[in-house]
C-alpha cells in the first residue's frame, strides 16, 4: 500500500484531473453498481455531503438513534446542513422498525419539516443487516417518495458476513458512503457512490465542507489498494473477534460479538485500571463500562491471545478484591503469554 502511494501518478483533484483519484472513483462506482463516485477525506464528511445533497435547508431525515450521522458526527447535519433529524430507536438487530418509519413521515403541512430522506447504517455496532430488510426499507421509501442513503462505513464487513457482494447488498439506494480505512486498512478516505446528478451536488457540498484536495492521488492509491486486496481478508477479522469473545466468556465476562466487533461489560470502577493494565502490555483500548474491541488487519491471532492473556491476568489478580470478578475457569491457570 505504501509503495502504491509513493508511485501513484498525481494531478489536481480540485480540477478533476488526478488520474489516481479518477481511477479509484471509477473502480468504486463499478464495484457498487452506481453511475459515479466521489472521493472524500473522511466518512463524516462523506455522510454530511450526502445528506446535504439529498435535503434542502429545513428538510427532514429519518435516522436511527445509534447511527453515526446522528450520534457521532458532531451534529453536522443540523449545524452545517440545517437538516432536521427525526430520530427513531434502533432495534436490537440495528434496524429501524418500518412501521415506526412510516409513522414518522411528516404530512405535507407547513407546521412540519418536509421528510425527504431515510438513512440507515450497515453494519451498525458491528451488526450486519441483511438484504431482505433493506429491500423492505427501500420499498417503503419509494412508496412514500423518500430518497434512501446508506452509511456503509463497514459495508464490506456485512458483505463478507453474508457472502455476497456490495453491489447486491446496496442495490436500490440513492447513495452509499463507504470507508476505505477501518477494516480495509487505508490511512484515510471514503467514497460516496450515487447517480451522476447526486455526485455533482455532492462535489459542491464537499467544497463547502473543505474537502477539496489537490494531489489526493497519494491517498486514493491507498484506498484503491485496499479495495483490490483487503476485502476478502475481513473474514479473518471476524474469526479473530469470535475467538476474542469466546475467550472473554471463558473468563466469566459478559460480552457480545458481531462481525469484527466485540462489546464487553466491565465494572465501572475497573474500566480505567483495566485500560492502564492493558496499555502497559501493549494492548490499547478505550476505557468504558461497555468496552468496544475491534479486530482489524493489524491484529493477528497472536495479538488476540496476548489481549486475552492480559485481560485474564487483570481479572485473576482482581478476583480476590471486594466485588471483584471471580471465575474458576481452568483457562486462567494457563501460562501468561
C-alpha atoms as a PDB file:
ATOM      1  CA  UNK A   1       0.000   0.000   0.000  1.00  0.00           C
ATOM      2  CA  UNK A   2       2.817   2.417   0.850  1.00  0.00           C
ATOM      3  CA  UNK A   3       4.542   1.581  -2.431  1.00  0.00           C
ATOM      4  CA  UNK A   4       1.320   2.259  -4.318  1.00  0.00           C
ATOM      5  CA  UNK A   5       1.045   5.631  -2.567  1.00  0.00           C
ATOM      6  CA  UNK A   6       4.622   6.572  -3.462  1.00  0.00           C
ATOM      7  CA  UNK A   7       4.265   5.523  -7.096  1.00  0.00           C
ATOM      8  CA  UNK A   8       0.778   6.968  -7.739  1.00  0.00           C
ATOM      9  CA  UNK A   9       0.527   9.308 -10.735  1.00  0.00           C
ATOM     10  CA  UNK A  10      -0.826  12.628  -9.485  1.00  0.00           C
ATOM     11  CA  UNK A  11      -2.796  15.595 -10.735  1.00  0.00           C
ATOM     12  CA  UNK A  12      -5.139  18.086  -9.088  1.00  0.00           C
ATOM     13  CA  UNK A  13      -8.407  16.620  -7.868  1.00  0.00           C
ATOM     14  CA  UNK A  14      -9.994  20.051  -7.341  1.00  0.00           C
ATOM     15  CA  UNK A  15      -9.799  20.353 -11.138  1.00  0.00           C
ATOM     16  CA  UNK A  16     -10.778  16.698 -11.542  1.00  0.00           C
ATOM     17  CA  UNK A  17      -7.576  15.620 -13.264  1.00  0.00           C
ATOM     18  CA  UNK A  18      -5.810  13.488 -10.658  1.00  0.00           C
ATOM     19  CA  UNK A  19      -5.604  10.154 -12.529  1.00  0.00           C
ATOM     20  CA  UNK A  20      -5.359   8.018  -9.392  1.00  0.00           C
ATOM     21  CA  UNK A  21      -8.408   9.632  -7.788  1.00  0.00           C
ATOM     22  CA  UNK A  22     -10.325   9.209 -11.037  1.00  0.00           C
ATOM     23  CA  UNK A  23      -9.315   5.560 -11.250  1.00  0.00           C
ATOM     24  CA  UNK A  24     -10.465   4.962  -7.674  1.00  0.00           C
ATOM     25  CA  UNK A  25     -13.795   6.658  -8.327  1.00  0.00           C
ATOM     26  CA  UNK A  26     -14.411   4.652 -11.495  1.00  0.00           C
ATOM     27  CA  UNK A  27     -13.478   1.413  -9.737  1.00  0.00           C
ATOM     28  CA  UNK A  28     -15.727   2.141  -6.746  1.00  0.00           C
ATOM     29  CA  UNK A  29     -18.691   3.119  -8.919  1.00  0.00           C
ATOM     30  CA  UNK A  30     -18.432  -0.144 -10.857  1.00  0.00           C
ATOM     31  CA  UNK A  31     -17.878  -2.204  -7.697  1.00  0.00           C
ATOM     32  CA  UNK A  32     -21.038  -0.818  -6.060  1.00  0.00           C
ATOM     33  CA  UNK A  33     -23.079  -0.715  -9.256  1.00  0.00           C
ATOM     34  CA  UNK A  34     -23.611   3.062  -9.374  1.00  0.00           C
ATOM     35  CA  UNK A  35     -23.085   5.648 -12.090  1.00  0.00           C
ATOM     36  CA  UNK A  36     -20.474   7.730 -10.293  1.00  0.00           C
ATOM     37  CA  UNK A  37     -18.353   8.044  -7.158  1.00  0.00           C
ATOM     38  CA  UNK A  38     -16.563  10.801  -5.276  1.00  0.00           C
ATOM     39  CA  UNK A  39     -13.521  10.562  -3.011  1.00  0.00           C
ATOM     40  CA  UNK A  40     -13.702  12.209   0.430  1.00  0.00           C
ATOM     41  CA  UNK A  41     -11.123  12.645   3.201  1.00  0.00           C
ATOM     42  CA  UNK A  42     -13.442  11.092   5.811  1.00  0.00           C
ATOM     43  CA  UNK A  43     -16.685   9.233   6.333  1.00  0.00           C
ATOM     44  CA  UNK A  44     -18.075  12.060   8.458  1.00  0.00           C
ATOM     45  CA  UNK A  45     -17.686  14.467   5.559  1.00  0.00           C
ATOM     46  CA  UNK A  46     -18.995  11.965   3.024  1.00  0.00           C
ATOM     47  CA  UNK A  47     -22.160  11.295   5.039  1.00  0.00           C
ATOM     48  CA  UNK A  48     -22.787  15.005   5.596  1.00  0.00           C
ATOM     49  CA  UNK A  49     -22.270  15.830   1.919  1.00  0.00           C
ATOM     50  CA  UNK A  50     -24.715  13.069   1.010  1.00  0.00           C
ATOM     51  CA  UNK A  51     -27.345  14.405   3.419  1.00  0.00           C
ATOM     52  CA  UNK A  52     -26.830  17.935   2.066  1.00  0.00           C
ATOM     53  CA  UNK A  53     -27.173  16.623  -1.487  1.00  0.00           C
ATOM     54  CA  UNK A  54     -30.485  14.950  -0.717  1.00  0.00           C
ATOM     55  CA  UNK A  55     -32.000  17.625   1.546  1.00  0.00           C
ATOM     56  CA  UNK A  56     -32.514  21.355   1.401  1.00  0.00           C
ATOM     57  CA  UNK A  57     -32.376  23.597   4.464  1.00  0.00           C
ATOM     58  CA  UNK A  58     -35.220  22.691   6.788  1.00  0.00           C
ATOM     59  CA  UNK A  59     -35.827  19.254   5.286  1.00  0.00           C
ATOM     60  CA  UNK A  60     -36.005  16.193   7.498  1.00  0.00           C
ATOM     61  CA  UNK A  61     -34.151  12.885   7.553  1.00  0.00           C
ATOM     62  CA  UNK A  62     -35.440   9.813   9.396  1.00  0.00           C
ATOM     63  CA  UNK A  63     -32.470   8.248  11.157  1.00  0.00           C
ATOM     64  CA  UNK A  64     -31.644   5.838  13.983  1.00  0.00           C
ATOM     65  CA  UNK A  65     -30.502   6.987  17.409  1.00  0.00           C
ATOM     66  CA  UNK A  66     -27.374   4.810  17.193  1.00  0.00           C
ATOM     67  CA  UNK A  67     -26.352   5.853  13.692  1.00  0.00           C
ATOM     68  CA  UNK A  68     -23.089   7.709  13.293  1.00  0.00           C
ATOM     69  CA  UNK A  69     -24.526  10.585  11.280  1.00  0.00           C
ATOM     70  CA  UNK A  70     -26.796  11.415  14.189  1.00  0.00           C
ATOM     71  CA  UNK A  71     -24.807  10.430  17.276  1.00  0.00           C
ATOM     72  CA  UNK A  72     -21.102  10.594  16.476  1.00  0.00           C
ATOM     73  CA  UNK A  73     -20.614  13.239  13.790  1.00  0.00           C
ATOM     74  CA  UNK A  74     -20.853  16.374  15.941  1.00  0.00           C
ATOM     75  CA  UNK A  75     -24.374  17.290  14.867  1.00  0.00           C
ATOM     76  CA  UNK A  76     -23.124  18.312  11.441  1.00  0.00           C
ATOM     77  CA  UNK A  77     -26.448  17.783   9.685  1.00  0.00           C
ATOM     78  CA  UNK A  78     -28.010  20.455  11.894  1.00  0.00           C
ATOM     79  CA  UNK A  79     -25.021  22.742  12.385  1.00  0.00           C
ATOM     80  CA  UNK A  80     -23.869  22.866   8.766  1.00  0.00           C
ATOM     81  CA  UNK A  81     -26.693  21.334   6.738  1.00  0.00           C
ATOM     82  CA  UNK A  82     -29.720  22.853   8.504  1.00  0.00           C
ATOM     83  CA  UNK A  83     -31.278  19.396   8.228  1.00  0.00           C
ATOM     84  CA  UNK A  84     -33.748  18.246  10.866  1.00  0.00           C
ATOM     85  CA  UNK A  85     -33.206  14.703  12.233  1.00  0.00           C
ATOM     86  CA  UNK A  86     -36.317  12.651  13.041  1.00  0.00           C
ATOM     87  CA  UNK A  87     -34.747  10.158  15.396  1.00  0.00           C
ATOM     88  CA  UNK A  88     -36.071   6.627  15.939  1.00  0.00           C
ATOM     89  CA  UNK A  89     -34.711   3.933  18.269  1.00  0.00           C
ATOM     90  CA  UNK A  90     -32.675   1.196  16.680  1.00  0.00           C
ATOM     91  CA  UNK A  91     -33.988  -2.300  17.324  1.00  0.00           C
ATOM     92  CA  UNK A  92     -31.715  -4.934  18.906  1.00  0.00           C
ATOM     93  CA  UNK A  93     -30.568  -6.065  15.449  1.00  0.00           C
ATOM     94  CA  UNK A  94     -29.702  -2.480  14.445  1.00  0.00           C
ATOM     95  CA  UNK A  95     -32.638  -1.942  12.097  1.00  0.00           C
ATOM     96  CA  UNK A  96     -35.413   0.637  12.329  1.00  0.00           C
ATOM     97  CA  UNK A  97     -38.957  -0.658  12.783  1.00  0.00           C
ATOM     98  CA  UNK A  98     -40.546   0.061   9.413  1.00  0.00           C
ATOM     99  CA  UNK A  99     -43.965   0.751  10.936  1.00  0.00           C
ATOM    100  CA  UNK A 100     -42.289   3.420  13.066  1.00  0.00           C
ATOM    101  CA  UNK A 101     -40.523   4.809  10.000  1.00  0.00           C
ATOM    102  CA  UNK A 102     -43.787   5.168   8.134  1.00  0.00           C
ATOM    103  CA  UNK A 103     -45.497   6.747  11.129  1.00  0.00           C
ATOM    104  CA  UNK A 104     -42.634   9.261  11.427  1.00  0.00           C
ATOM    105  CA  UNK A 105     -43.034  10.636   7.893  1.00  0.00           C
ATOM    106  CA  UNK A 106     -44.379  14.159   8.295  1.00  0.00           C
ATOM    107  CA  UNK A 107     -47.521  15.218   6.433  1.00  0.00           C
ATOM    108  CA  UNK A 108     -47.299  17.889   3.760  1.00  0.00           C
ATOM    109  CA  UNK A 109     -48.142  20.690   6.154  1.00  0.00           C
ATOM    110  CA  UNK A 110     -46.258  23.937   6.911  1.00  0.00           C
ATOM    111  CA  UNK A 111     -46.220  23.030  10.607  1.00  0.00           C
ATOM    112  CA  UNK A 112     -43.714  20.248   9.918  1.00  0.00           C
ATOM    113  CA  UNK A 113     -40.311  19.823   8.369  1.00  0.00           C
ATOM    114  CA  UNK A 114     -40.534  18.119   4.979  1.00  0.00           C
ATOM    115  CA  UNK A 115     -39.449  14.483   5.250  1.00  0.00           C
ATOM    116  CA  UNK A 116     -37.085  13.871   2.341  1.00  0.00           C
ATOM    117  CA  UNK A 117     -34.717  11.072   3.276  1.00  0.00           C
ATOM    118  CA  UNK A 118     -34.442   7.722   5.028  1.00  0.00           C
ATOM    119  CA  UNK A 119     -30.933   6.979   6.322  1.00  0.00           C
ATOM    120  CA  UNK A 120     -29.790   3.556   7.521  1.00  0.00           C
ATOM    121  CA  UNK A 121     -26.418   2.150   8.542  1.00  0.00           C
ATOM    122  CA  UNK A 122     -24.811  -1.215   7.776  1.00  0.00           C
ATOM    123  CA  UNK A 123     -23.062  -2.562   9.753  1.00  0.00           C
ATOM    124  CA  UNK A 124     -24.199  -0.748  12.904  1.00  0.00           C
ATOM    125  CA  UNK A 125     -22.293  -1.546  16.066  1.00  0.00           C
ATOM    126  CA  UNK A 126     -20.879  -4.420  14.068  1.00  0.00           C
ATOM    127  CA  UNK A 127     -24.351  -5.863  13.459  1.00  0.00           C
ATOM    128  CA  UNK A 128     -24.839  -6.758   9.779  1.00  0.00           C
ATOM    129  CA  UNK A 129     -28.211  -6.014   8.206  1.00  0.00           C
ATOM    130  CA  UNK A 130     -29.385  -8.420   5.538  1.00  0.00           C
ATOM    131  CA  UNK A 131     -30.824  -7.764   2.113  1.00  0.00           C
ATOM    132  CA  UNK A 132     -34.365  -8.811   2.988  1.00  0.00           C
ATOM    133  CA  UNK A 133     -34.801  -5.956   5.468  1.00  0.00           C
ATOM    134  CA  UNK A 134     -33.072  -3.468   3.173  1.00  0.00           C
ATOM    135  CA  UNK A 135     -35.461  -4.318   0.343  1.00  0.00           C
ATOM    136  CA  UNK A 136     -38.444  -3.698   2.616  1.00  0.00           C
ATOM    137  CA  UNK A 137     -37.000  -0.390   3.766  1.00  0.00           C
ATOM    138  CA  UNK A 138     -36.306   0.692   0.184  1.00  0.00           C
ATOM    139  CA  UNK A 139     -39.813  -0.294  -0.911  1.00  0.00           C
ATOM    140  CA  UNK A 140     -41.255   1.858   1.874  1.00  0.00           C
ATOM    141  CA  UNK A 141     -39.063   4.797   0.909  1.00  0.00           C
ATOM    142  CA  UNK A 142     -40.077   4.545  -2.736  1.00  0.00           C
ATOM    143  CA  UNK A 143     -43.755   4.226  -1.906  1.00  0.00           C
ATOM    144  CA  UNK A 144     -43.622   7.337   0.266  1.00  0.00           C
ATOM    145  CA  UNK A 145     -41.436   9.388  -2.080  1.00  0.00           C
ATOM    146  CA  UNK A 146     -38.293   9.380   0.058  1.00  0.00           C
ATOM    147  CA  UNK A 147     -34.694   9.091  -1.065  1.00  0.00           C
ATOM    148  CA  UNK A 148     -32.561   6.475   0.718  1.00  0.00           C
ATOM    149  CA  UNK A 149     -28.975   6.866   1.939  1.00  0.00           C
ATOM    150  CA  UNK A 150     -26.835   4.063   3.337  1.00  0.00           C
ATOM    151  CA  UNK A 151     -23.992   4.782   5.721  1.00  0.00           C
ATOM    152  CA  UNK A 152     -21.923   1.793   4.704  1.00  0.00           C
ATOM    153  CA  UNK A 153     -18.760   2.698   6.572  1.00  0.00           C
ATOM    154  CA  UNK A 154     -18.292  -1.032   7.203  1.00  0.00           C
ATOM    155  CA  UNK A 155     -20.490  -2.375   4.404  1.00  0.00           C
ATOM    156  CA  UNK A 156     -17.752  -4.769   3.302  1.00  0.00           C
ATOM    157  CA  UNK A 157     -17.913  -6.473   6.700  1.00  0.00           C
ATOM    158  CA  UNK A 158     -21.611  -7.035   6.032  1.00  0.00           C
ATOM    159  CA  UNK A 159     -20.989  -8.355   2.526  1.00  0.00           C
ATOM    160  CA  UNK A 160     -18.310 -10.775   3.750  1.00  0.00           C
ATOM    161  CA  UNK A 161     -20.582 -11.907   6.597  1.00  0.00           C
ATOM    162  CA  UNK A 162     -23.455 -12.635   4.194  1.00  0.00           C
ATOM    163  CA  UNK A 163     -21.117 -13.994   1.491  1.00  0.00           C
ATOM    164  CA  UNK A 164     -22.471 -11.576  -1.085  1.00  0.00           C
ATOM    165  CA  UNK A 165     -21.272  -8.520  -2.994  1.00  0.00           C
ATOM    166  CA  UNK A 166     -21.672  -4.892  -2.026  1.00  0.00           C
ATOM    167  CA  UNK A 167     -23.398  -4.380  -5.377  1.00  0.00           C
ATOM    168  CA  UNK A 168     -26.135  -6.816  -4.370  1.00  0.00           C
ATOM    169  CA  UNK A 169     -26.355  -5.575  -0.795  1.00  0.00           C
ATOM    170  CA  UNK A 170     -26.589  -1.885  -1.763  1.00  0.00           C
ATOM    171  CA  UNK A 171     -28.796  -2.116  -4.848  1.00  0.00           C
ATOM    172  CA  UNK A 172     -31.634   0.400  -4.849  1.00  0.00           C
ATOM    173  CA  UNK A 173     -30.105   3.012  -2.543  1.00  0.00           C
ATOM    174  CA  UNK A 174     -29.742   6.532  -3.897  1.00  0.00           C
ATOM    175  CA  UNK A 175     -26.349   6.938  -2.238  1.00  0.00           C
ATOM    176  CA  UNK A 176     -23.868   4.850  -0.263  1.00  0.00           C
ATOM    177  CA  UNK A 177     -20.891   6.073   1.760  1.00  0.00           C
ATOM    178  CA  UNK A 178     -18.145   3.501   2.333  1.00  0.00           C
ATOM    179  CA  UNK A 179     -14.915   3.929   4.311  1.00  0.00           C
ATOM    180  CA  UNK A 180     -11.588   2.835   2.877  1.00  0.00           C
ATOM    181  CA  UNK A 181      -9.909   2.992   6.267  1.00  0.00           C
ATOM    182  CA  UNK A 182     -11.138   0.973   9.252  1.00  0.00           C
ATOM    183  CA  UNK A 183     -11.002  -2.729   8.359  1.00  0.00           C
ATOM    184  CA  UNK A 184      -9.787  -2.128   4.809  1.00  0.00           C
ATOM    185  CA  UNK A 185      -6.615  -0.540   6.141  1.00  0.00           C
ATOM    186  CA  UNK A 186      -6.171   2.710   4.196  1.00  0.00           C
ATOM    187  CA  UNK A 187      -4.833   5.628   6.276  1.00  0.00           C
ATOM    188  CA  UNK A 188      -7.792   7.831   5.325  1.00  0.00           C
ATOM    189  CA  UNK A 189     -10.550   8.224   2.793  1.00  0.00           C
ATOM    190  CA  UNK A 190     -14.133   7.360   1.942  1.00  0.00           C
ATOM    191  CA  UNK A 191     -16.038   7.007  -1.305  1.00  0.00           C
ATOM    192  CA  UNK A 192     -19.586   8.200  -1.892  1.00  0.00           C
ATOM    193  CA  UNK A 193     -21.431   6.495  -4.745  1.00  0.00           C
ATOM    194  CA  UNK A 194     -24.666   7.546  -6.415  1.00  0.00           C
ATOM    195  CA  UNK A 195     -26.143   8.920  -9.599  1.00  0.00           C
ATOM    196  CA  UNK A 196     -24.139  11.439 -11.631  1.00  0.00           C
ATOM    197  CA  UNK A 197     -26.584  14.163 -10.648  1.00  0.00           C
ATOM    198  CA  UNK A 198     -26.223  13.402  -6.944  1.00  0.00           C
ATOM    199  CA  UNK A 199     -22.433  13.204  -7.162  1.00  0.00           C
ATOM    200  CA  UNK A 200     -22.372  16.599  -8.897  1.00  0.00           C
ATOM    201  CA  UNK A 201     -24.265  18.070  -5.946  1.00  0.00           C
ATOM    202  CA  UNK A 202     -22.013  16.208  -3.511  1.00  0.00           C
ATOM    203  CA  UNK A 203     -18.916  17.686  -5.160  1.00  0.00           C
ATOM    204  CA  UNK A 204     -20.234  21.170  -4.408  1.00  0.00           C
ATOM    205  CA  UNK A 205     -21.071  20.115  -0.828  1.00  0.00           C
ATOM    206  CA  UNK A 206     -17.561  18.689  -0.437  1.00  0.00           C
ATOM    207  CA  UNK A 207     -16.082  22.036  -1.471  1.00  0.00           C
ATOM    208  CA  UNK A 208     -18.287  23.876   1.029  1.00  0.00           C
ATOM    209  CA  UNK A 209     -17.126  21.483   3.752  1.00  0.00           C
ATOM    210  CA  UNK A 210     -13.455  21.986   2.932  1.00  0.00           C
ATOM    211  CA  UNK A 211     -12.896  18.583   1.385  1.00  0.00           C
ATOM    212  CA  UNK A 212     -11.350  19.641  -1.904  1.00  0.00           C
ATOM    213  CA  UNK A 213      -7.824  18.181  -2.052  1.00  0.00           C
ATOM    214  CA  UNK A 214      -5.073  18.747  -4.594  1.00  0.00           C
ATOM    215  CA  UNK A 215      -2.711  15.797  -5.130  1.00  0.00           C
ATOM    216  CA  UNK A 216      -5.188  13.463  -3.459  1.00  0.00           C
ATOM    217  CA  UNK A 217      -3.961  10.519  -5.500  1.00  0.00           C
ATOM    218  CA  UNK A 218      -1.482   9.778  -2.705  1.00  0.00           C
ATOM    219  CA  UNK A 219      -4.446   8.837  -0.503  1.00  0.00           C
ATOM    220  CA  UNK A 220      -6.604   7.466  -3.312  1.00  0.00           C
ATOM    221  CA  UNK A 221      -3.870   4.962  -4.188  1.00  0.00           C
ATOM    222  CA  UNK A 222      -4.100   3.534  -0.670  1.00  0.00           C
ATOM    223  CA  UNK A 223      -7.885   3.272  -0.970  1.00  0.00           C
ATOM    224  CA  UNK A 224      -7.652   1.578  -4.352  1.00  0.00           C
ATOM    225  CA  UNK A 225      -5.149  -0.915  -2.983  1.00  0.00           C
ATOM    226  CA  UNK A 226      -7.488  -1.597  -0.056  1.00  0.00           C
ATOM    227  CA  UNK A 227     -10.460  -2.307  -2.331  1.00  0.00           C
ATOM    228  CA  UNK A 228      -8.418  -4.565  -4.581  1.00  0.00           C
ATOM    229  CA  UNK A 229      -6.626  -6.522  -1.850  1.00  0.00           C
ATOM    230  CA  UNK A 230      -8.176  -6.228   1.606  1.00  0.00           C
ATOM    231  CA  UNK A 231     -11.861  -7.095   1.251  1.00  0.00           C
ATOM    232  CA  UNK A 232     -11.903 -10.893   1.424  1.00  0.00           C
ATOM    233  CA  UNK A 233      -9.477 -10.947   4.334  1.00  0.00           C
ATOM    234  CA  UNK A 234     -12.141  -9.284   6.525  1.00  0.00           C
ATOM    235  CA  UNK A 235     -13.266 -12.849   7.281  1.00  0.00           C
ATOM    236  CA  UNK A 236     -10.037 -13.207   9.292  1.00  0.00           C
ATOM    237  CA  UNK A 237     -11.075 -10.233  11.447  1.00  0.00           C
ATOM    238  CA  UNK A 238     -14.476 -11.811  12.039  1.00  0.00           C
ATOM    239  CA  UNK A 239     -12.839 -15.066  13.110  1.00  0.00           C
ATOM    240  CA  UNK A 240     -10.443 -13.218  15.422  1.00  0.00           C
ATOM    241  CA  UNK A 241     -13.325 -11.317  17.007  1.00  0.00           C
ATOM    242  CA  UNK A 242     -15.172 -14.588  17.551  1.00  0.00           C
ATOM    243  CA  UNK A 243     -12.097 -16.062  19.231  1.00  0.00           C
ATOM    244  CA  UNK A 244     -11.791 -12.982  21.435  1.00  0.00           C
ATOM    245  CA  UNK A 245     -15.437 -13.188  22.501  1.00  0.00           C
ATOM    246  CA  UNK A 246     -15.107 -16.890  23.275  1.00  0.00           C
ATOM    247  CA  UNK A 247     -12.070 -16.220  25.427  1.00  0.00           C
ATOM    248  CA  UNK A 248     -13.741 -13.372  27.296  1.00  0.00           C
ATOM    249  CA  UNK A 249     -16.770 -15.519  28.054  1.00  0.00           C
ATOM    250  CA  UNK A 250     -14.434 -18.176  29.400  1.00  0.00           C
ATOM    251  CA  UNK A 251     -13.180 -15.537  31.832  1.00  0.00           C
ATOM    252  CA  UNK A 252     -16.724 -15.017  33.055  1.00  0.00           C
ATOM    253  CA  UNK A 253     -17.144 -11.672  31.300  1.00  0.00           C
ATOM    254  CA  UNK A 254     -20.410 -10.640  29.674  1.00  0.00           C
ATOM    255  CA  UNK A 255     -19.840  -9.839  26.001  1.00  0.00           C
ATOM    256  CA  UNK A 256     -21.415  -9.926  22.554  1.00  0.00           C
ATOM    257  CA  UNK A 257     -19.762 -10.240  19.162  1.00  0.00           C
ATOM    258  CA  UNK A 258     -20.865  -9.141  15.695  1.00  0.00           C
ATOM    259  CA  UNK A 259     -18.614  -9.335  12.610  1.00  0.00           C
ATOM    260  CA  UNK A 260     -15.288  -7.779  13.726  1.00  0.00           C
ATOM    261  CA  UNK A 261     -16.542  -6.125  16.938  1.00  0.00           C
ATOM    262  CA  UNK A 262     -16.746  -7.377  20.494  1.00  0.00           C
ATOM    263  CA  UNK A 263     -18.540  -5.441  23.234  1.00  0.00           C
ATOM    264  CA  UNK A 264     -17.615  -6.455  26.779  1.00  0.00           C
ATOM    265  CA  UNK A 265     -19.200  -5.264  30.007  1.00  0.00           C
ATOM    266  CA  UNK A 266     -16.684  -4.059  32.602  1.00  0.00           C
ATOM    267  CA  UNK A 267     -17.471  -2.837  36.130  1.00  0.00           C
ATOM    268  CA  UNK A 268     -17.275   0.976  36.154  1.00  0.00           C
ATOM    269  CA  UNK A 269     -14.634   1.129  38.856  1.00  0.00           C
ATOM    270  CA  UNK A 270     -12.379  -1.252  36.902  1.00  0.00           C
ATOM    271  CA  UNK A 271     -12.684   0.193  33.377  1.00  0.00           C
ATOM    272  CA  UNK A 272      -9.878   2.734  33.840  1.00  0.00           C
ATOM    273  CA  UNK A 273      -7.483   0.406  35.674  1.00  0.00           C
ATOM    274  CA  UNK A 274      -8.092  -2.302  33.066  1.00  0.00           C
ATOM    275  CA  UNK A 275      -7.207   0.079  30.252  1.00  0.00           C
ATOM    276  CA  UNK A 276      -3.983   1.079  32.041  1.00  0.00           C
ATOM    277  CA  UNK A 277      -3.128  -2.558  32.734  1.00  0.00           C
ATOM    278  CA  UNK A 278      -3.593  -3.431  29.061  1.00  0.00           C
ATOM    279  CA  UNK A 279      -1.648  -0.394  27.854  1.00  0.00           C
ATOM    280  CA  UNK A 280       1.339  -1.497  29.911  1.00  0.00           C
ATOM    281  CA  UNK A 281       1.168  -4.776  27.971  1.00  0.00           C
ATOM    282  CA  UNK A 282       0.895  -3.096  24.566  1.00  0.00           C
ATOM    283  CA  UNK A 283      -2.860  -3.665  24.211  1.00  0.00           C
ATOM    284  CA  UNK A 284      -4.650  -0.356  23.562  1.00  0.00           C
ATOM    285  CA  UNK A 285      -8.349   0.059  24.392  1.00  0.00           C
ATOM    286  CA  UNK A 286     -10.734   2.912  25.121  1.00  0.00           C
ATOM    287  CA  UNK A 287     -11.974   2.556  28.709  1.00  0.00           C
ATOM    288  CA  UNK A 288     -15.694   2.215  29.295  1.00  0.00           C
ATOM    289  CA  UNK A 289     -18.296   0.092  31.013  1.00  0.00           C
ATOM    290  CA  UNK A 290     -19.294  -1.231  27.583  1.00  0.00           C
ATOM    291  CA  UNK A 291     -15.882  -1.563  26.027  1.00  0.00           C
ATOM    292  CA  UNK A 292     -15.701  -1.950  22.245  1.00  0.00           C
ATOM    293  CA  UNK A 293     -12.888  -4.182  20.996  1.00  0.00           C
ATOM    294  CA  UNK A 294     -12.362  -4.211  17.225  1.00  0.00           C
ATOM    295  CA  UNK A 295     -10.372  -6.742  15.221  1.00  0.00           C
ATOM    296  CA  UNK A 296      -8.644  -5.388  12.109  1.00  0.00           C
ATOM    297  CA  UNK A 297      -5.764  -6.190   9.778  1.00  0.00           C
ATOM    298  CA  UNK A 298      -3.122  -5.016  12.282  1.00  0.00           C
ATOM    299  CA  UNK A 299      -4.371  -7.522  14.893  1.00  0.00           C
ATOM    300  CA  UNK A 300      -3.446 -11.137  14.219  1.00  0.00           C
ATOM    301  CA  UNK A 301      -4.333 -14.312  16.091  1.00  0.00           C
ATOM    302  CA  UNK A 302      -1.293 -13.927  18.344  1.00  0.00           C
ATOM    303  CA  UNK A 303      -2.492 -10.438  19.244  1.00  0.00           C
ATOM    304  CA  UNK A 304      -5.875 -11.837  20.247  1.00  0.00           C
ATOM    305  CA  UNK A 305      -4.177 -14.367  22.516  1.00  0.00           C
ATOM    306  CA  UNK A 306      -1.975 -11.647  24.026  1.00  0.00           C
ATOM    307  CA  UNK A 307      -5.033  -9.486  24.743  1.00  0.00           C
ATOM    308  CA  UNK A 308      -6.891 -12.389  26.325  1.00  0.00           C
ATOM    309  CA  UNK A 309      -3.896 -13.261  28.465  1.00  0.00           C
ATOM    310  CA  UNK A 310      -3.570  -9.664  29.670  1.00  0.00           C
ATOM    311  CA  UNK A 311      -7.287  -9.377  30.445  1.00  0.00           C
ATOM    312  CA  UNK A 312      -7.208 -12.722  32.211  1.00  0.00           C
ATOM    313  CA  UNK A 313      -4.202 -11.614  34.259  1.00  0.00           C
ATOM    314  CA  UNK A 314      -6.037  -8.453  35.337  1.00  0.00           C
ATOM    315  CA  UNK A 315      -9.213 -10.145  36.461  1.00  0.00           C
ATOM    316  CA  UNK A 316      -7.334 -13.022  38.075  1.00  0.00           C
ATOM    317  CA  UNK A 317      -5.438 -10.504  40.199  1.00  0.00           C
ATOM    318  CA  UNK A 318      -8.693  -8.659  40.906  1.00  0.00           C
ATOM    319  CA  UNK A 319     -10.628 -11.792  41.819  1.00  0.00           C
ATOM    320  CA  UNK A 320      -9.755 -11.530  45.475  1.00  0.00           C
ATOM    321  CA  UNK A 321     -10.717  -7.863  45.753  1.00  0.00           C
ATOM    322  CA  UNK A 322     -14.141  -6.908  47.178  1.00  0.00           C
ATOM    323  CA  UNK A 323     -16.640  -7.009  44.353  1.00  0.00           C
ATOM    324  CA  UNK A 324     -14.042  -8.462  42.026  1.00  0.00           C
ATOM    325  CA  UNK A 325     -14.914 -10.840  39.218  1.00  0.00           C
ATOM    326  CA  UNK A 326     -14.396 -14.417  40.285  1.00  0.00           C
ATOM    327  CA  UNK A 327     -14.004 -17.306  37.925  1.00  0.00           C
ATOM    328  CA  UNK A 328     -12.823 -20.873  38.280  1.00  0.00           C
ATOM    329  CA  UNK A 329     -12.319 -21.425  34.571  1.00  0.00           C
ATOM    330  CA  UNK A 330      -9.155 -23.511  34.039  1.00  0.00           C
ATOM    331  CA  UNK A 331      -8.179 -21.178  31.178  1.00  0.00           C
ATOM    332  CA  UNK A 332      -6.886 -18.724  33.801  1.00  0.00           C
ATOM    333  CA  UNK A 333      -4.358 -21.277  35.017  1.00  0.00           C
ATOM    334  CA  UNK A 334      -2.643 -21.284  31.640  1.00  0.00           C
ATOM    335  CA  UNK A 335       0.783 -19.566  31.491  1.00  0.00           C
ATOM    336  CA  UNK A 336       0.519 -15.857  30.601  1.00  0.00           C
ATOM    337  CA  UNK A 337       1.701 -15.409  27.005  1.00  0.00           C
END
